Amino acid sequence: MHRAHQHLSAPPLAVEPTTGETHLRHHISPNGFYRGRKVVKTKSDE
């Protein structure tokens, strides 16, 4: 109970500059972009 008031209010969100999608900070976006670069191939790429 000592630190019950020190919780995070909302998860930090970021907007991907290339696609405009919202995603969690330090995670890749659903389309496979991270910091403006394509890092993971997705099914839509094939």
C-alpha atoms as a PDB file:
ATOM      1  CA  MET A   1       0.000   0.000   0.000  1.00  0.00           C
ATOM      2  CA  HIS A   2       3.009   2.303   0.371  1.00  0.00           C
ATOM      3  CA  ARG A   3       3.403   2.915  -3.393  1.00  0.00           C
ATOM      4  CA  ALA A   4      -0.164   2.374  -4.527  1.00  0.00           C
ATOM      5  CA  HIS A   5      -0.360   5.857  -6.061  1.00  0.00           C
ATOM      6  CA  GLN A   6       2.704   5.437  -8.327  1.00  0.00           C
ATOM      7  CA  HIS A   7       1.062   3.615 -11.204  1.00  0.00           C
ATOM      8  CA  LEU A   8       1.261   4.463 -14.904  1.00  0.00           C
ATOM      9  CA  SER A   9      -1.822   6.269 -16.119  1.00  0.00           C
ATOM     10  CA  ALA A  10      -1.875   5.123 -19.760  1.00  0.00           C
ATOM     11  CA  PRO A  11       0.515   3.162 -21.974  1.00  0.00           C
ATOM     12  CA  PRO A  12       2.856   5.460 -23.901  1.00  0.00           C
ATOM     13  CA  LEU A  13       1.824   5.550 -27.558  1.00  0.00           C
ATOM     14  CA  ALA A  14       3.772   6.649 -30.611  1.00  0.00           C
ATOM     15  CA  VAL A  15       2.737   7.514 -34.158  1.00  0.00           C
ATOM     16  CA  GLU A  16       4.689   5.869 -36.977  1.00  0.00           C
ATOM     17  CA  PRO A  17       5.944   8.637 -39.294  1.00  0.00           C
ATOM     18  CA  THR A  18       5.658   6.632 -42.532  1.00  0.00           C
ATOM     19  CA  THR A  19       2.247   5.019 -42.076  1.00  0.00           C
ATOM     20  CA  GLY A  20       0.629   7.215 -39.417  1.00  0.00           C
ATOM     21  CA  GLU A  21      -0.316   4.202 -37.283  1.00  0.00           C
ATOM     22  CA  THR A  22      -0.384   4.309 -33.506  1.00  0.00           C
ATOM     23  CA  HIS A  23       1.616   1.690 -31.638  1.00  0.00           C
ATOM     24  CA  LEU A  24       3.333   1.165 -28.300  1.00  0.00           C
ATOM     25  CA  ARG A  25       6.662   2.942 -27.848  1.00  0.00           C
ATOM     26  CA  HIS A  26       9.726   0.781 -28.636  1.00  0.00           C
ATOM     27  CA  HIS A  27       7.573  -1.783 -30.485  1.00  0.00           C
ATOM     28  CA  ILE A  28       7.050  -2.297 -34.193  1.00  0.00           C
ATOM     29  CA  SER A  29       3.841  -1.127 -35.824  1.00  0.00           C
ATOM     30  CA  PRO A  30       1.299  -3.664 -37.162  1.00  0.00           C
ATOM     31  CA  ASN A  31       2.650  -3.124 -40.700  1.00  0.00           C
ATOM     32  CA  GLY A  32       6.220  -4.015 -39.640  1.00  0.00           C
ATOM     33  CA  PHE A  33       7.724  -0.511 -39.418  1.00  0.00           C
ATOM     34  CA  TYR A  34      10.041   0.713 -36.673  1.00  0.00           C
ATOM     35  CA  ARG A  35      11.291   4.327 -36.628  1.00  0.00           C
ATOM     36  CA  GLY A  36      10.359   4.870 -40.268  1.00  0.00           C
ATOM     37  CA  ARG A  37      12.046   1.725 -41.658  1.00  0.00           C
ATOM     38  CA  LYS A  38      10.526  -1.592 -42.696  1.00  0.00           C
ATOM     39  CA  VAL A  39      12.026  -4.211 -40.349  1.00  0.00           C
ATOM     40  CA  VAL A  40       9.642  -7.183 -40.622  1.00  0.00           C
ATOM     41  CA  LYS A  41       8.032  -8.735 -43.682  1.00  0.00           C
ATOM     42  CA  THR A  42       4.262  -9.020 -43.415  1.00  0.00           C
ATOM     43  CA  LYS A  43       1.723 -11.034 -45.391  1.00  0.00           C
ATOM     44  CA  SER A  44       0.694  -7.953 -47.344  1.00  0.00           C
ATOM     45  CA  ASP A  45       4.260  -7.572 -48.687  1.00  0.00           C
ATOM     46  CA  GLU A  46       4.235 -10.876 -50.531  1.00  0.00           C
END
